[in-house]
């Protein structure tokens, strides 16, 4: 009477072993196919002691201090006046500003109806905290004899070999080697998506670093 039960248990054991072997086979012999290449992350940084970075940092810090003052005045309802805005930002990266609100909508210019001042004025009324926070600087290098260089250097679409004297002076005073975009994140409570303010058009950096950077 025990024999049928033993046979049944043996059959179950064999089935379990077969399932286990099948599972092991699936692990040991996966389908073959192309293996993805492993790419290491690459990060680029300017050397912190370069003249370009030092000048940019100093200019941005001063501009963002003026921006913090402007936000305070807007919150207090004491200004700023158009003349104050021009004096503070006329030769900075915010001379021609753009700000993206928390929904991603752009607001351009200081004094337009739906411009930067109008937007910031509404923003300070609903926020408990707002000030310039992190800054991101994007540099685009323009190689000589490239399409991008020609686009931003009229008359130098096919620059001749630079010599000395007046020709060199003209080239250095007019030649643009970098385009700069600066983006400042405004820390903003109580909402989670902060607005971002920066320059609407790329700032041209000239070989002689004049007049702004």
Protein backbone atom coordinates (compact mmCIF):
# COMPACT_ATOMS: atom_id res chain seq x y z
CA UNK A 1 0.00 0.00 0.00
CA UNK A 2 2.97 2.32 0.54
CA UNK A 3 4.40 1.68 -2.92
CA UNK A 4 2.01 3.97 -4.87
CA UNK A 5 2.69 6.76 -2.36
CA UNK A 6 6.47 6.31 -2.71
CA UNK A 7 6.13 6.33 -6.49
CA UNK A 8 4.11 9.52 -6.31
CA UNK A 9 6.69 11.23 -4.08
CA UNK A 10 9.49 10.11 -6.40
CA UNK A 11 7.65 11.52 -9.39
CA UNK A 12 7.25 14.89 -7.63
CA UNK A 13 10.94 14.92 -6.68
CA UNK A 14 12.01 14.21 -10.24
CA UNK A 15 9.77 17.00 -11.50
CA UNK A 16 11.24 19.47 -9.00
CA UNK A 17 14.79 18.48 -9.96
CA UNK A 18 13.92 18.96 -13.64
CA UNK A 19 12.52 22.40 -12.95
CA UNK A 20 15.65 23.28 -10.99
CA UNK A 21 17.94 22.09 -13.77
CA UNK A 22 15.92 24.08 -16.32
CA UNK A 23 16.18 27.21 -14.19
CA UNK A 24 19.92 26.70 -13.76
CA UNK A 25 20.22 26.22 -17.48
CA UNK A 26 18.46 29.51 -18.10
CA UNK A 27 20.85 31.33 -15.77
CA UNK A 28 23.98 29.62 -16.99
CA UNK A 29 23.17 30.03 -20.68
CA UNK A 30 21.49 33.39 -21.28
CA UNK A 31 20.54 34.40 -24.80
CA UNK A 32 23.54 35.76 -26.67
CA UNK A 33 23.54 39.30 -28.02
CA UNK A 34 25.65 42.46 -28.26
CA UNK A 35 26.93 43.65 -24.90
CA UNK A 36 26.53 47.38 -24.22
CA UNK A 37 29.74 49.35 -23.96
CA UNK A 38 30.53 50.80 -20.56
CA UNK A 39 31.17 54.55 -20.86
CA UNK A 40 32.83 56.38 -18.00
CA UNK A 41 31.34 59.78 -17.10
CA UNK A 42 33.41 62.70 -18.38
CA UNK A 43 33.40 66.08 -16.64
CA UNK A 44 34.98 69.27 -17.96
CA UNK A 45 36.17 72.11 -15.74
CA UNK A 46 38.08 75.32 -16.26
CA UNK A 47 41.19 75.69 -14.18
CA UNK A 48 40.06 77.87 -11.26
CA UNK A 49 42.99 80.28 -11.62
CA UNK A 50 42.37 81.26 -15.25
CA UNK A 51 41.80 84.95 -15.92
CA UNK A 52 38.53 84.20 -17.72
CA UNK A 53 37.06 82.32 -14.77
CA UNK A 54 38.27 84.89 -12.23
CA UNK A 55 36.74 87.78 -14.19
CA UNK A 56 33.48 85.90 -14.75
CA UNK A 57 33.19 84.94 -11.08
CA UNK A 58 33.80 88.48 -9.87
CA UNK A 59 31.28 89.93 -12.31
CA UNK A 60 28.62 87.33 -11.50
CA UNK A 61 29.03 87.75 -7.73
CA UNK A 62 28.57 91.52 -7.96
CA UNK A 63 25.60 91.16 -10.31
CA UNK A 64 23.89 88.62 -8.08
CA UNK A 65 24.43 90.84 -5.03
CA UNK A 66 22.63 93.60 -6.95
CA UNK A 67 19.93 91.09 -7.90
CA UNK A 68 19.43 90.18 -4.23
CA UNK A 69 19.11 93.89 -3.40
CA UNK A 70 16.56 94.31 -6.19
CA UNK A 71 14.48 91.42 -4.85
CA UNK A 72 14.54 92.98 -1.36
CA UNK A 73 13.36 96.33 -2.74
CA UNK A 74 10.57 94.65 -4.69
CA UNK A 75 9.42 92.84 -1.57
CA UNK A 76 9.47 96.07 0.45
CA UNK A 77 7.72 98.02 -2.31
CA UNK A 78 10.47 100.65 -2.39
CA UNK A 79 11.62 100.25 -6.00
CA UNK A 80 13.88 99.84 -7.83
CA UNK A 81 13.58 102.64 -10.36
CA UNK A 82 14.37 102.10 -14.05
CA UNK A 83 17.51 104.20 -13.62
CA UNK A 84 18.66 101.98 -10.75
CA UNK A 85 18.09 98.88 -12.88
CA UNK A 86 20.14 100.33 -15.74
CA UNK A 87 22.95 101.37 -13.40
CA UNK A 88 23.11 97.98 -11.68
CA UNK A 89 22.78 95.69 -14.65
CA UNK A 90 23.68 97.74 -17.73
CA UNK A 91 27.17 96.21 -18.03
CA UNK A 92 26.44 92.81 -16.53
CA UNK A 93 25.17 89.45 -17.74
CA UNK A 94 21.67 90.70 -16.87
CA UNK A 95 21.82 93.71 -19.17
CA UNK A 96 19.43 91.85 -21.48
CA UNK A 97 17.81 89.35 -19.10
CA UNK A 98 15.54 86.37 -19.46
CA UNK A 99 13.85 84.45 -16.66
CA UNK A 100 12.04 81.14 -16.89
CA UNK A 101 9.25 80.73 -14.36
CA UNK A 102 8.46 77.51 -12.50
CA UNK A 103 6.37 76.39 -15.45
CA UNK A 104 9.16 76.97 -17.96
CA UNK A 105 7.63 80.09 -19.51
CA UNK A 106 10.24 82.71 -20.52
CA UNK A 107 9.99 86.38 -19.54
CA UNK A 108 12.41 88.68 -21.36
CA UNK A 109 13.60 92.26 -20.81
CA UNK A 110 13.44 94.28 -17.61
CA UNK A 111 10.60 96.67 -18.42
CA UNK A 112 8.24 94.80 -20.75
CA UNK A 113 4.64 94.24 -19.66
CA UNK A 114 5.32 90.56 -18.97
CA UNK A 115 9.05 91.04 -18.44
CA UNK A 116 11.48 90.23 -15.67
CA UNK A 117 10.52 93.02 -13.25
CA UNK A 118 6.82 92.34 -13.64
CA UNK A 119 7.33 88.63 -13.01
CA UNK A 120 9.65 89.14 -10.02
CA UNK A 121 7.25 91.68 -8.57
CA UNK A 122 4.48 89.08 -8.55
CA UNK A 123 6.85 86.37 -7.34
CA UNK A 124 7.92 88.16 -4.16
CA UNK A 125 4.27 88.63 -3.16
CA UNK A 126 3.65 84.88 -3.00
CA UNK A 127 7.04 83.66 -1.77
CA UNK A 128 8.34 83.45 1.77
CA UNK A 129 11.94 83.23 0.60
CA UNK A 130 13.74 84.05 -2.64
CA UNK A 131 17.38 84.83 -3.42
CA UNK A 132 20.08 83.98 -5.99
CA UNK A 133 21.53 80.58 -5.30
CA UNK A 134 23.51 78.30 -7.60
CA UNK A 135 25.05 79.62 -10.83
CA UNK A 136 25.84 77.66 -13.99
CA UNK A 137 28.18 79.11 -16.61
CA UNK A 138 28.21 77.59 -20.10
CA UNK A 139 31.15 78.36 -22.40
CA UNK A 140 31.10 77.60 -26.11
CA UNK A 141 34.53 77.74 -27.72
CA UNK A 142 34.63 79.02 -31.31
CA UNK A 143 37.54 77.44 -33.21
CA UNK A 144 39.20 79.50 -35.95
CA UNK A 145 37.94 78.78 -39.46
CA UNK A 146 34.79 77.09 -38.12
CA UNK A 147 31.25 77.97 -39.17
CA UNK A 148 30.43 79.12 -35.65
CA UNK A 149 33.48 81.39 -35.59
CA UNK A 150 32.51 82.92 -38.93
CA UNK A 151 28.94 83.43 -37.71
CA UNK A 152 30.09 85.53 -34.76
CA UNK A 153 33.11 87.15 -36.42
CA UNK A 154 31.91 88.99 -39.54
CA UNK A 155 34.77 89.58 -41.94
CA UNK A 156 36.79 86.69 -40.56
CA UNK A 157 35.04 83.85 -42.37
CA UNK A 158 38.40 82.85 -43.79
CA UNK A 159 40.93 84.59 -41.55
CA UNK A 160 44.34 85.13 -43.15
CA UNK A 161 47.50 84.27 -41.26
CA UNK A 162 47.64 86.81 -38.47
CA UNK A 163 50.85 88.85 -38.58
CA UNK A 164 51.69 91.81 -36.35
CA UNK A 165 50.87 95.47 -35.92
CA UNK A 166 47.53 96.88 -36.99
CA UNK A 167 46.26 93.60 -38.43
CA UNK A 168 46.89 91.73 -35.18
CA UNK A 169 45.40 94.57 -33.10
CA UNK A 170 42.23 94.62 -35.21
CA UNK A 171 41.82 90.87 -34.97
CA UNK A 172 42.31 90.77 -31.20
CA UNK A 173 39.94 93.67 -30.55
CA UNK A 174 37.13 92.23 -32.66
CA UNK A 175 37.68 88.47 -32.58
CA UNK A 176 35.24 86.43 -30.47
CA UNK A 177 36.64 83.18 -29.14
CA UNK A 178 33.96 82.16 -26.60
CA UNK A 179 30.21 82.55 -26.20
CA UNK A 180 29.03 82.72 -22.59
CA UNK A 181 25.64 81.84 -21.13
CA UNK A 182 25.05 82.34 -17.41
CA UNK A 183 22.12 80.81 -15.54
CA UNK A 184 21.33 81.62 -11.90
CA UNK A 185 18.83 79.53 -9.97
CA UNK A 186 16.67 81.55 -7.61
CA UNK A 187 16.03 79.67 -4.38
CA UNK A 188 12.30 80.03 -3.94
CA UNK A 189 9.90 78.97 -1.17
CA UNK A 190 7.38 77.54 -0.70
CA UNK A 191 7.41 76.04 -4.19
CA UNK A 192 9.79 73.32 -5.40
CA UNK A 193 10.47 74.40 -8.99
CA UNK A 194 12.72 77.47 -8.82
CA UNK A 195 12.85 80.11 -11.55
CA UNK A 196 16.10 80.53 -13.51
CA UNK A 197 17.44 83.91 -14.64
CA UNK A 198 20.21 84.65 -17.11
CA UNK A 199 21.28 86.45 -20.28
CA UNK A 200 18.85 86.25 -23.19
CA UNK A 201 21.60 86.37 -25.84
CA UNK A 202 24.99 84.72 -25.58
CA UNK A 203 27.70 87.09 -24.31
CA UNK A 204 30.66 87.27 -26.72
CA UNK A 205 34.04 86.96 -25.05
CA UNK A 206 36.73 88.68 -27.08
CA UNK A 207 40.37 87.78 -27.21
CA UNK A 208 41.35 90.89 -25.28
CA UNK A 209 38.68 90.36 -22.58
CA UNK A 210 37.16 93.82 -23.12
CA UNK A 211 35.00 95.57 -22.08
CA UNK A 212 33.04 93.26 -19.77
CA UNK A 213 34.96 90.04 -19.23
